């Protein structure tokens, strides 16, 4: 990106520093959960047309089947809509790969000219040290994407960490303009114990994202408190491709794997579209 384009991106993103982001997000939650069909039905139909949403893949294919916009946005897919690849790790969601690669000395790439630390992302060195020389992939979910997040690998949940923060947009332009974006924003970290070692799945909230819900916590635990909270839920085992959580509005998922885990497929690159269940690593042997 040349200097002129870079300046334009920064100028377009600066209003987010002063927007009442928390207030707007609370308003978005109120509107998305209202049951006034005279309001939400026209809005859903416009949204489907505007963003070309593939409702034919959903269990409920007619907007009138949804009681509110939030139910529509967190819609379930038909059972056969996302077949799982035979791969050690699969994509946990639909979206576009924004960055992927190696974690160098505990540092991940956000965008050209911007990097951030695994410790800041995960809320402490205690969880970050195992990923010091591992791998990461960042997937951005657009408004028309399926917004449930699934486990990229079979594993046992050994910890959940809720980290409060602000709520910047995570669009491509904002990612290129706002330093340390993913470590500024509110997020949930799920740490899994797997056959490949610890694997972290980070769900990053954003502007208008009114919460991150997990299958073990439910909708009442969708927002963090005032400080970092680490919990150790008991008895939570996730199959590969099993639902892990969902965004109430869209955002970004980051997967971290440790040193020694398989490399990402060579065909994957920034800007590539990917769907839930597609292979992130080479096919499993056998």
Protein backbone atom coordinates (compact mmCIF):
# COMPACT_ATOMS: atom_id res chain seq x y z
CA UNK A 1 0.00 0.00 0.00
CA UNK A 2 1.42 3.41 -0.97
CA UNK A 3 1.57 6.32 1.44
CA UNK A 4 -1.47 8.07 -0.07
CA UNK A 5 -3.65 4.95 0.20
CA UNK A 6 -2.40 4.32 3.73
CA UNK A 7 -3.38 7.86 4.77
CA UNK A 8 -6.84 7.40 3.25
CA UNK A 9 -7.37 4.20 5.24
CA UNK A 10 -6.35 5.91 8.49
CA UNK A 11 -8.64 8.86 7.84
CA UNK A 12 -11.59 6.57 7.18
CA UNK A 13 -11.02 4.64 10.41
CA UNK A 14 -10.34 7.53 12.84
CA UNK A 15 -14.06 8.21 13.64
CA UNK A 16 -14.18 4.80 15.34
CA UNK A 17 -11.93 6.15 18.10
CA UNK A 18 -14.65 8.60 19.15
CA UNK A 19 -17.83 6.65 18.35
CA UNK A 20 -19.85 5.49 21.39
CA UNK A 21 -19.10 1.87 20.45
CA UNK A 22 -20.53 0.23 23.57
CA UNK A 23 -23.76 2.23 23.31
CA UNK A 24 -24.17 1.41 19.62
CA UNK A 25 -23.56 -2.27 20.35
CA UNK A 26 -26.18 -2.33 23.12
CA UNK A 27 -28.62 -0.69 20.70
CA UNK A 28 -27.80 -3.30 18.06
CA UNK A 29 -28.59 -6.06 20.57
CA UNK A 30 -31.93 -4.49 21.46
CA UNK A 31 -32.93 -4.14 17.82
CA UNK A 32 -31.69 -7.58 16.78
CA UNK A 33 -33.63 -9.35 19.54
CA UNK A 34 -36.92 -7.45 19.23
CA UNK A 35 -39.91 -9.59 18.23
CA UNK A 36 -41.76 -6.84 16.33
CA UNK A 37 -42.33 -8.66 13.06
CA UNK A 38 -43.44 -5.49 11.27
CA UNK A 39 -39.87 -4.26 11.87
CA UNK A 40 -37.64 -7.33 11.74
CA UNK A 41 -39.25 -9.13 8.77
CA UNK A 42 -38.65 -6.34 6.20
CA UNK A 43 -35.17 -5.79 7.62
CA UNK A 44 -34.25 -9.49 7.29
CA UNK A 45 -35.49 -9.62 3.71
CA UNK A 46 -33.52 -6.51 2.75
CA UNK A 47 -30.44 -7.96 4.50
CA UNK A 48 -30.77 -11.24 2.54
CA UNK A 49 -30.95 -9.36 -0.75
CA UNK A 50 -28.27 -6.80 0.07
CA UNK A 51 -25.66 -9.34 1.23
CA UNK A 52 -26.77 -12.28 -0.95
CA UNK A 53 -27.28 -14.59 2.04
CA UNK A 54 -27.50 -18.30 1.13
CA UNK A 55 -30.64 -19.22 3.04
CA UNK A 56 -30.99 -22.39 0.95
CA UNK A 57 -28.21 -23.83 3.13
CA UNK A 58 -30.03 -23.07 6.38
CA UNK A 59 -32.39 -25.33 8.30
CA UNK A 60 -34.96 -22.54 8.03
CA UNK A 61 -34.83 -21.14 4.52
CA UNK A 62 -37.59 -18.50 4.81
CA UNK A 63 -36.98 -15.25 6.76
CA UNK A 64 -40.53 -15.48 8.12
CA UNK A 65 -39.47 -18.62 10.04
CA UNK A 66 -37.27 -16.49 12.33
CA UNK A 67 -38.71 -14.66 15.33
CA UNK A 68 -36.04 -11.95 15.32
CA UNK A 69 -32.97 -10.82 13.43
CA UNK A 70 -30.62 -12.41 15.96
CA UNK A 71 -32.23 -15.83 15.41
CA UNK A 72 -31.75 -15.35 11.68
CA UNK A 73 -28.15 -14.18 12.04
CA UNK A 74 -27.15 -17.14 14.24
CA UNK A 75 -29.11 -19.59 12.07
CA UNK A 76 -28.24 -23.28 11.95
CA UNK A 77 -27.24 -25.00 8.70
CA UNK A 78 -28.68 -28.14 7.20
CA UNK A 79 -26.80 -31.21 8.48
CA UNK A 80 -25.08 -31.89 5.14
CA UNK A 81 -24.30 -28.26 4.24
CA UNK A 82 -20.65 -28.37 5.41
CA UNK A 83 -18.95 -31.77 4.95
CA UNK A 84 -15.78 -32.16 7.00
CA UNK A 85 -12.48 -32.74 5.23
CA UNK A 86 -10.15 -35.52 6.32
CA UNK A 87 -7.60 -33.20 7.87
CA UNK A 88 -5.89 -32.74 11.22
CA UNK A 89 -7.36 -29.25 11.46
CA UNK A 90 -10.35 -27.87 9.61
CA UNK A 91 -11.67 -24.36 9.24
CA UNK A 92 -13.80 -23.50 12.28
CA UNK A 93 -16.08 -21.17 10.32
CA UNK A 94 -17.04 -19.62 7.02
CA UNK A 95 -15.09 -16.50 6.10
CA UNK A 96 -12.08 -15.00 4.39
CA UNK A 97 -8.52 -15.65 5.48
CA UNK A 98 -6.99 -12.29 6.38
CA UNK A 99 -3.60 -13.59 7.57
CA UNK A 100 -1.89 -16.90 8.31
CA UNK A 101 1.60 -18.15 8.96
CA UNK A 102 4.09 -18.82 11.70
CA UNK A 103 4.17 -17.25 15.14
CA UNK A 104 7.64 -15.75 15.38
CA UNK A 105 8.91 -15.22 18.92
CA UNK A 106 5.36 -14.99 20.18
CA UNK A 107 4.30 -12.44 17.53
CA UNK A 108 1.45 -12.68 15.00
CA UNK A 109 0.85 -10.58 11.88
CA UNK A 110 -2.31 -8.47 11.84
CA UNK A 111 -1.74 -6.72 8.51
CA UNK A 112 1.15 -5.25 6.56
CA UNK A 113 3.07 -3.08 9.01
CA UNK A 114 1.10 -4.28 12.06
CA UNK A 115 1.84 -7.17 14.41
CA UNK A 116 0.76 -8.12 17.93
CA UNK A 117 1.74 -10.54 20.64
CA UNK A 118 0.14 -13.88 21.46
CA UNK A 119 0.36 -12.96 25.16
CA UNK A 120 -1.74 -9.83 24.62
CA UNK A 121 -4.23 -11.72 22.46
CA UNK A 122 -4.65 -14.61 24.93
CA UNK A 123 -4.65 -12.48 28.05
CA UNK A 124 -1.31 -13.57 29.52
CA UNK A 125 1.99 -15.38 29.05
CA UNK A 126 0.62 -18.47 30.80
CA UNK A 127 -1.39 -19.48 27.73
CA UNK A 128 0.85 -17.85 25.14
CA UNK A 129 4.14 -19.61 25.86
CA UNK A 130 3.06 -22.88 24.25
CA UNK A 131 2.45 -21.04 20.96
CA UNK A 132 5.76 -19.14 20.88
CA UNK A 133 6.91 -20.84 17.65
CA UNK A 134 3.61 -22.24 16.45
CA UNK A 135 1.19 -21.27 13.71
CA UNK A 136 -1.86 -19.02 13.37
CA UNK A 137 -4.69 -18.35 10.95
CA UNK A 138 -7.09 -15.38 11.10
CA UNK A 139 -10.52 -15.66 9.46
CA UNK A 140 -12.85 -12.70 8.96
CA UNK A 141 -16.60 -13.35 8.94
CA UNK A 142 -18.58 -11.08 6.61
CA UNK A 143 -22.26 -10.22 7.20
CA UNK A 144 -23.46 -12.89 4.75
CA UNK A 145 -21.42 -15.69 6.34
CA UNK A 146 -22.67 -18.43 8.64
CA UNK A 147 -21.91 -17.13 12.13
CA UNK A 148 -21.53 -20.21 14.27
CA UNK A 149 -17.98 -21.31 15.13
CA UNK A 150 -16.95 -24.95 15.37
CA UNK A 151 -13.98 -26.81 16.78
CA UNK A 152 -11.16 -27.19 14.23
CA UNK A 153 -9.98 -30.39 15.93
CA UNK A 154 -11.31 -32.89 18.45
CA UNK A 155 -10.33 -31.91 21.97
CA UNK A 156 -11.20 -31.31 25.58
CA UNK A 157 -11.86 -27.79 26.80
CA UNK A 158 -9.27 -27.01 29.46
CA UNK A 159 -10.02 -23.32 29.86
CA UNK A 160 -12.15 -20.38 28.78
CA UNK A 161 -10.89 -16.83 29.12
CA UNK A 162 -13.11 -13.76 28.71
CA UNK A 163 -11.19 -10.57 28.00
CA UNK A 164 -12.93 -7.17 28.05
CA UNK A 165 -12.02 -4.48 25.57
CA UNK A 166 -13.31 -1.97 23.08
CA UNK A 167 -15.34 -2.75 19.95
CA UNK A 168 -13.61 -1.50 16.82
CA UNK A 169 -14.78 -2.80 13.47
CA UNK A 170 -12.65 -5.68 12.18
CA UNK A 171 -13.08 -4.84 8.51
CA UNK A 172 -10.06 -5.08 6.24
CA UNK A 173 -9.62 -1.29 6.25
CA UNK A 174 -9.72 -1.08 10.06
CA UNK A 175 -7.35 -4.03 10.41
CA UNK A 176 -4.84 -2.18 8.25
CA UNK A 177 -5.29 1.11 10.13
CA UNK A 178 -5.71 0.38 13.86
CA UNK A 179 -2.60 -1.00 15.63
CA UNK A 180 -3.12 -4.02 17.91
CA UNK A 181 -6.75 -4.25 16.84
CA UNK A 182 -7.36 -7.84 17.96
CA UNK A 183 -5.79 -7.24 21.35
CA UNK A 184 -7.87 -4.08 21.88
CA UNK A 185 -11.22 -5.70 21.18
CA UNK A 186 -13.38 -7.78 23.50
CA UNK A 187 -12.79 -11.52 22.98
CA UNK A 188 -13.24 -15.07 24.19
CA UNK A 189 -10.41 -17.61 24.18
CA UNK A 190 -11.16 -21.33 24.25
CA UNK A 191 -8.12 -23.48 25.07
CA UNK A 192 -8.36 -27.08 23.89
CA UNK A 193 -6.25 -30.09 24.79
CA UNK A 194 -5.85 -32.14 21.61
CA UNK A 195 -3.77 -34.89 20.05
CA UNK A 196 -1.61 -32.13 18.52
CA UNK A 197 -1.10 -30.36 21.85
CA UNK A 198 -2.88 -27.20 23.02
CA UNK A 199 -4.96 -25.41 20.38
CA UNK A 200 -6.50 -21.98 21.01
CA UNK A 201 -9.63 -20.72 19.30
CA UNK A 202 -10.08 -16.96 19.77
CA UNK A 203 -13.41 -15.34 18.95
CA UNK A 204 -12.89 -11.57 18.62
CA UNK A 205 -15.87 -9.25 19.03
CA UNK A 206 -16.29 -6.03 17.08
CA UNK A 207 -18.50 -3.01 16.60
CA UNK A 208 -22.17 -4.06 16.93
CA UNK A 209 -21.18 -7.59 18.00
CA UNK A 210 -23.51 -7.90 20.95
CA UNK A 211 -21.90 -10.95 22.44
CA UNK A 212 -20.00 -14.20 22.02
CA UNK A 213 -21.98 -17.24 23.12
CA UNK A 214 -20.44 -20.65 23.85
CA UNK A 215 -22.15 -24.03 23.88
CA UNK A 216 -21.06 -24.60 27.48
CA UNK A 217 -21.97 -21.15 28.79
CA UNK A 218 -25.12 -20.20 26.92
CA UNK A 219 -26.51 -16.77 25.94
CA UNK A 220 -26.48 -15.38 29.49
CA UNK A 221 -22.66 -15.43 29.49
CA UNK A 222 -22.15 -13.65 26.17
CA UNK A 223 -20.26 -10.59 27.51
CA UNK A 224 -17.17 -10.34 29.78
CA UNK A 225 -17.01 -8.53 33.09
CA UNK A 226 -14.77 -5.58 33.89
CA UNK A 227 -11.62 -7.70 34.13
CA UNK A 228 -10.06 -10.80 32.59
CA UNK A 229 -11.85 -13.94 33.80
CA UNK A 230 -10.50 -17.46 33.38
CA UNK A 231 -12.78 -20.42 33.94
CA UNK A 232 -12.19 -24.15 33.79
CA UNK A 233 -15.50 -25.70 32.67
CA UNK A 234 -15.61 -29.40 33.48
CA UNK A 235 -16.59 -32.24 31.21
CA UNK A 236 -16.62 -30.31 27.92
CA UNK A 237 -15.36 -32.42 25.02
CA UNK A 238 -15.70 -31.20 21.45
CA UNK A 239 -15.68 -33.38 18.36
CA UNK A 240 -13.95 -32.04 15.29
CA UNK A 241 -16.55 -29.88 13.60
CA UNK A 242 -18.71 -29.76 16.73
CA UNK A 243 -20.23 -26.38 17.52
CA UNK A 244 -18.13 -24.29 19.90
CA UNK A 245 -19.94 -20.97 19.96
CA UNK A 246 -21.57 -18.23 17.93
CA UNK A 247 -21.32 -14.51 17.28
CA UNK A 248 -24.30 -12.24 17.86
CA UNK A 249 -23.38 -10.27 14.74
CA UNK A 250 -20.10 -10.97 12.96
CA UNK A 251 -16.41 -10.70 13.60
CA UNK A 252 -13.13 -12.66 13.46
CA UNK A 253 -11.79 -16.05 14.54
CA UNK A 254 -8.09 -16.72 15.19
CA UNK A 255 -6.74 -20.28 15.59
CA UNK A 256 -3.33 -20.86 17.20
CA UNK A 257 -1.47 -24.16 17.10
CA UNK A 258 1.79 -25.11 18.85
CA UNK A 259 5.23 -25.82 17.48
CA UNK A 260 5.25 -29.26 15.89
CA UNK A 261 1.64 -29.10 14.71
CA UNK A 262 1.11 -29.57 10.95
CA UNK A 263 1.75 -26.59 8.68
CA UNK A 264 -1.12 -24.89 6.91
CA UNK A 265 -1.92 -26.09 3.42
CA UNK A 266 0.24 -24.39 0.78
CA UNK A 267 -2.88 -23.47 -1.19
CA UNK A 268 -4.15 -21.23 1.62
CA UNK A 269 -3.34 -17.53 1.44
CA UNK A 270 -4.57 -14.15 2.63
CA UNK A 271 -7.70 -13.12 0.77
CA UNK A 272 -8.90 -16.65 0.09
CA UNK A 273 -12.47 -17.60 0.94
CA UNK A 274 -12.87 -20.67 3.13
CA UNK A 275 -15.82 -22.56 4.52
CA UNK A 276 -16.45 -24.46 7.70
CA UNK A 277 -15.03 -27.97 7.46
CA UNK A 278 -12.50 -27.31 4.71
CA UNK A 279 -8.95 -28.50 5.38
CA UNK A 280 -6.45 -26.17 7.02
CA UNK A 281 -3.70 -28.78 7.02
CA UNK A 282 -2.71 -31.63 4.73
CA UNK A 283 -5.08 -34.64 4.67
CA UNK A 284 -4.73 -37.10 7.52
CA UNK A 285 -2.74 -40.25 6.56
CA UNK A 286 -4.64 -43.44 5.93
